[in-house]
C-alpha atoms as a PDB file:
ATOM      1  CA  MET A   1    -229.078 -39.770 -13.952  1.00  0.00           C
ATOM      2  CA  LYS A   2    -230.026 -42.582 -11.557  1.00  0.00           C
ATOM      3  CA  THR A   3    -227.319 -45.220 -11.107  1.00  0.00           C
ATOM      4  CA  SER A   4    -227.052 -48.566  -9.331  1.00  0.00           C
ATOM      5  CA  LEU A   5    -224.040 -49.875  -7.435  1.00  0.00           C
ATOM      6  CA  VAL A   6    -222.562 -53.250  -8.382  1.00  0.00           C
ATOM      7  CA  THR A   7    -219.753 -54.778  -6.306  1.00  0.00           C
ATOM      8  CA  ILE A   8    -217.151 -56.841  -8.168  1.00  0.00           C
ATOM      9  CA  PRO A   9    -214.793 -59.034  -6.111  1.00  0.00           C
ATOM     10  CA  VAL A  10    -211.041 -58.692  -6.703  1.00  0.00           C
ATOM     11  CA  GLU A  11    -209.419 -61.013  -9.299  1.00  0.00           C
ATOM     12  CA  THR A  12    -212.590 -62.503 -10.749  1.00  0.00           C
ATOM     13  CA  SER A  13    -213.262 -63.322 -14.372  1.00  0.00           C
ATOM     14  CA  PRO A  14    -214.410 -60.361 -16.456  1.00  0.00           C
ATOM     15  CA  ILE A  15    -218.124 -59.661 -16.692  1.00  0.00           C
ATOM     16  CA  VAL A  16    -219.370 -59.495 -20.284  1.00  0.00           C
ATOM     17  CA  LEU A  17    -222.531 -57.479 -20.930  1.00  0.00           C
ATOM     18  CA  ARG A  18    -224.251 -58.292 -24.203  1.00  0.00           C
ATOM     19  CA  ILE A  19    -226.236 -55.322 -25.456  1.00  0.00           C
ATOM     20  CA  PRO A  20    -229.248 -55.808 -27.768  1.00  0.00           C
ATOM     21  CA  THR A  21    -228.632 -54.294 -31.201  1.00  0.00           C
ATOM     22  CA  ALA A  22    -231.720 -52.100 -30.729  1.00  0.00           C
ATOM     23  CA  LEU A  23    -229.877 -50.373 -27.870  1.00  0.00           C
ATOM     24  CA  GLU A  24    -227.061 -48.878 -29.896  1.00  0.00           C
ATOM     25  CA  ILE A  25    -224.401 -47.428 -27.630  1.00  0.00           C
ATOM     26  CA  ASN A  26    -222.549 -44.858 -29.694  1.00  0.00           C
ATOM     27  CA  ASP A  27    -219.037 -43.622 -28.906  1.00  0.00           C
ATOM     28  CA  GLU A  28    -220.218 -40.612 -26.887  1.00  0.00           C
ATOM     29  CA  LEU A  29    -222.576 -42.695 -24.725  1.00  0.00           C
ATOM     30  CA  PHE A  30    -219.902 -45.344 -24.137  1.00  0.00           C
ATOM     31  CA  PHE A  31    -217.389 -42.648 -23.144  1.00  0.00           C
ATOM     32  CA  GLU A  32    -219.924 -41.143 -20.705  1.00  0.00           C
ATOM     33  CA  PHE A  33    -220.678 -44.620 -19.278  1.00  0.00           C
ATOM     34  CA  CYS A  34    -216.954 -45.124 -18.640  1.00  0.00           C
ATOM     35  CA  GLN A  35    -216.605 -41.678 -17.050  1.00  0.00           C
ATOM     36  CA  ILE A  36    -219.369 -42.263 -14.500  1.00  0.00           C
ATOM     37  CA  ASN A  37    -217.821 -45.658 -13.682  1.00  0.00           C
ATOM     38  CA  ARG A  38    -214.192 -44.511 -13.430  1.00  0.00           C
ATOM     39  CA  ASP A  39    -213.319 -47.113 -10.781  1.00  0.00           C
ATOM     40  CA  LEU A  40    -213.926 -49.942 -13.257  1.00  0.00           C
ATOM     41  CA  ARG A  41    -211.800 -51.119 -16.174  1.00  0.00           C
ATOM     42  CA  ILE A  42    -214.280 -51.143 -19.025  1.00  0.00           C
ATOM     43  CA  GLU A  43    -213.649 -52.179 -22.623  1.00  0.00           C
ATOM     44  CA  ARG A  44    -215.910 -52.790 -25.617  1.00  0.00           C
ATOM     45  CA  THR A  45    -215.479 -55.533 -28.216  1.00  0.00           C
ATOM     46  CA  SER A  46    -215.915 -55.016 -31.949  1.00  0.00           C
ATOM     47  CA  GLU A  47    -219.284 -56.813 -31.580  1.00  0.00           C
ATOM     48  CA  GLY A  48    -220.461 -54.185 -29.062  1.00  0.00           C
ATOM     49  CA  GLU A  49    -220.152 -56.359 -25.941  1.00  0.00           C
ATOM     50  CA  ILE A  50    -219.092 -54.411 -22.857  1.00  0.00           C
ATOM     51  CA  ILE A  51    -216.412 -56.077 -20.741  1.00  0.00           C
ATOM     52  CA  ILE A  52    -216.040 -55.069 -17.084  1.00  0.00           C
ATOM     53  CA  MET A  53    -212.824 -56.252 -15.482  1.00  0.00           C
ATOM     54  CA  SER A  54    -212.167 -56.383 -11.767  1.00  0.00           C
ATOM     55  CA  PRO A  55    -209.260 -54.554 -10.162  1.00  0.00           C
ATOM     56  CA  THR A  56    -206.026 -56.541 -10.134  1.00  0.00           C
ATOM     57  CA  GLY A  57    -204.587 -58.276  -7.105  1.00  0.00           C
ATOM     58  CA  SER A  58    -201.571 -56.824  -5.332  1.00  0.00           C
ATOM     59  CA  GLU A  59    -198.962 -58.992  -7.096  1.00  0.00           C
ATOM     60  CA  THR A  60    -200.297 -58.103 -10.542  1.00  0.00           C
ATOM     61  CA  GLY A  61    -200.523 -54.453  -9.513  1.00  0.00           C
ATOM     62  CA  GLY A  62    -196.882 -54.534  -8.411  1.00  0.00           C
ATOM     63  CA  ARG A  63    -195.789 -56.011 -11.749  1.00  0.00           C
ATOM     64  CA  ASN A  64    -197.810 -53.358 -13.579  1.00  0.00           C
ATOM     65  CA  PHE A  65    -196.163 -50.639 -11.484  1.00  0.00           C
ATOM     66  CA  ASP A  66    -192.653 -51.902 -12.318  1.00  0.00           C
ATOM     67  CA  LEU A  67    -193.552 -52.193 -15.994  1.00  0.00           C
ATOM     68  CA  ILE A  68    -194.934 -48.655 -16.133  1.00  0.00           C
ATOM     69  CA  TYR A  69    -191.858 -47.248 -14.363  1.00  0.00           C
ATOM     70  CA  HIS A  70    -189.433 -48.812 -16.864  1.00  0.00           C
ATOM     71  CA  PHE A  71    -191.669 -48.021 -19.825  1.00  0.00           C
ATOM     72  CA  ALA A  72    -192.071 -44.366 -18.789  1.00  0.00           C
ATOM     73  CA  THR A  73    -188.299 -44.026 -18.401  1.00  0.00           C
ATOM     74  CA  TRP A  74    -187.803 -45.342 -21.946  1.00  0.00           C
ATOM     75  CA  VAL A  75    -190.562 -43.100 -23.393  1.00  0.00           C
ATOM     76  CA  LYS A  76    -188.972 -39.983 -21.853  1.00  0.00           C
ATOM     77  CA  GLN A  77    -185.455 -40.913 -23.005  1.00  0.00           C
ATOM     78  CA  ASP A  78    -186.575 -41.879 -26.521  1.00  0.00           C
ATOM     79  CA  GLY A  79    -188.773 -38.809 -27.079  1.00  0.00           C
ATOM     80  CA  THR A  80    -190.322 -40.023 -30.355  1.00  0.00           C
ATOM     81  CA  GLY A  81    -193.710 -41.018 -28.979  1.00  0.00           C
ATOM     82  CA  LYS A  82    -196.302 -40.677 -26.261  1.00  0.00           C
ATOM     83  CA  GLY A  83    -196.846 -43.309 -23.565  1.00  0.00           C
ATOM     84  CA  PHE A  84    -200.128 -44.274 -21.906  1.00  0.00           C
ATOM     85  CA  ASP A  85    -201.167 -46.355 -18.905  1.00  0.00           C
ATOM     86  CA  SER A  86    -204.044 -48.790 -18.429  1.00  0.00           C
ATOM     87  CA  SER A  87    -206.563 -46.046 -17.694  1.00  0.00           C
ATOM     88  CA  THR A  88    -206.380 -44.924 -21.351  1.00  0.00           C
ATOM     89  CA  GLY A  89    -208.934 -46.193 -23.829  1.00  0.00           C
ATOM     90  CA  PHE A  90    -208.345 -46.391 -27.584  1.00  0.00           C
ATOM     91  CA  LYS A  91    -211.048 -46.637 -30.270  1.00  0.00           C
ATOM     92  CA  LEU A  92    -209.819 -49.227 -32.777  1.00  0.00           C
ATOM     93  CA  LEU A  93    -210.734 -49.478 -36.472  1.00  0.00           C
ATOM     94  CA  ASN A  94    -212.898 -52.570 -35.865  1.00  0.00           C
ATOM     95  CA  GLY A  95    -215.073 -50.581 -33.422  1.00  0.00           C
ATOM     96  CA  ALA A  96    -213.578 -52.027 -30.227  1.00  0.00           C
ATOM     97  CA  ASN A  97    -212.459 -49.852 -27.313  1.00  0.00           C
ATOM     98  CA  ARG A  98    -209.402 -51.297 -25.577  1.00  0.00           C
ATOM     99  CA  SER A  99    -207.202 -50.274 -22.637  1.00  0.00           C
ATOM    100  CA  PRO A 100    -203.837 -52.071 -22.667  1.00  0.00           C
ATOM    101  CA  ASP A 101    -201.604 -52.019 -19.583  1.00  0.00           C
ATOM    102  CA  VAL A 102    -199.152 -49.761 -21.442  1.00  0.00           C
ATOM    103  CA  ALA A 103    -199.327 -48.267 -24.916  1.00  0.00           C
ATOM    104  CA  TRP A 104    -197.112 -46.116 -27.099  1.00  0.00           C
ATOM    105  CA  VAL A 105    -198.045 -43.980 -30.109  1.00  0.00           C
ATOM    106  CA  LYS A 106    -195.569 -42.257 -32.434  1.00  0.00           C
ATOM    107  CA  LEU A 107    -195.646 -38.511 -31.780  1.00  0.00           C
ATOM    108  CA  GLU A 108    -196.351 -37.656 -35.426  1.00  0.00           C
ATOM    109  CA  ARG A 109    -199.472 -39.867 -35.398  1.00  0.00           C
ATOM    110  CA  TRP A 110    -200.640 -38.536 -32.017  1.00  0.00           C
ATOM    111  CA  GLN A 111    -200.269 -34.926 -33.152  1.00  0.00           C
ATOM    112  CA  ARG A 112    -202.541 -35.552 -36.167  1.00  0.00           C
ATOM    113  CA  LEU A 113    -205.483 -36.171 -33.821  1.00  0.00           C
ATOM    114  CA  THR A 114    -207.775 -33.274 -32.988  1.00  0.00           C
ATOM    115  CA  ARG A 115    -207.983 -31.894 -29.469  1.00  0.00           C
ATOM    116  CA  LYS A 116    -211.452 -33.442 -29.076  1.00  0.00           C
ATOM    117  CA  GLN A 117    -210.189 -36.865 -30.221  1.00  0.00           C
ATOM    118  CA  ARG A 118    -207.360 -36.710 -27.667  1.00  0.00           C
ATOM    119  CA  ARG A 119    -209.776 -35.901 -24.816  1.00  0.00           C
ATOM    120  CA  GLN A 120    -211.956 -38.957 -25.388  1.00  0.00           C
ATOM    121  CA  PHE A 121    -210.988 -42.461 -26.498  1.00  0.00           C
ATOM    122  CA  ALA A 122    -208.506 -41.589 -29.223  1.00  0.00           C
ATOM    123  CA  PRO A 123    -209.417 -43.212 -32.562  1.00  0.00           C
ATOM    124  CA  ILE A 124    -205.963 -44.679 -33.070  1.00  0.00           C
ATOM    125  CA  CYS A 125    -204.319 -48.072 -32.771  1.00  0.00           C
ATOM    126  CA  PRO A 126    -201.161 -47.727 -30.661  1.00  0.00           C
ATOM    127  CA  ASP A 127    -197.873 -48.613 -32.344  1.00  0.00           C
ATOM    128  CA  PHE A 128    -196.866 -50.722 -29.346  1.00  0.00           C
ATOM    129  CA  VAL A 129    -198.830 -52.270 -26.456  1.00  0.00           C
ATOM    130  CA  ILE A 130    -198.152 -54.535 -23.493  1.00  0.00           C
ATOM    131  CA  GLU A 131    -200.883 -56.484 -21.734  1.00  0.00           C
ATOM    132  CA  LEU A 132    -199.821 -58.341 -18.597  1.00  0.00           C
ATOM    133  CA  CYS A 133    -201.801 -61.474 -17.865  1.00  0.00           C
ATOM    134  CA  SER A 134    -203.172 -62.026 -14.389  1.00  0.00           C
ATOM    135  CA  PRO A 135    -203.980 -65.515 -13.058  1.00  0.00           C
ATOM    136  CA  ASN A 136    -207.571 -65.223 -14.345  1.00  0.00           C
ATOM    137  CA  ASP A 137    -206.675 -64.188 -17.921  1.00  0.00           C
END
């Protein structure tokens, strides 16, 4: 597959790609698109728009790191759910694919998903999410 390189400056507003309805991007194609562009934070709205977000600045990254550390400690101590970081995408009921900074899903709900569903963007709405705002949000 031939690809093109696009450079996105740090801490810019998200880029929103509007896709014509004739070019339906199904879940498998969207997952593959995200996999070949792993360095980007990519989400999809319920209307099918693709949102490409720039990497965070150092201060935001530091806050995210602290948040993940404390969240992971709680998840391990609590033991009733599974925690996820911002590189995890979730397929929501409205068709959107979102990647919150941290997410938590009850273990019983997570275990009901098939192995295939767990490997891609899990079709589940997390029970708890945190999204930190950067200066451009």
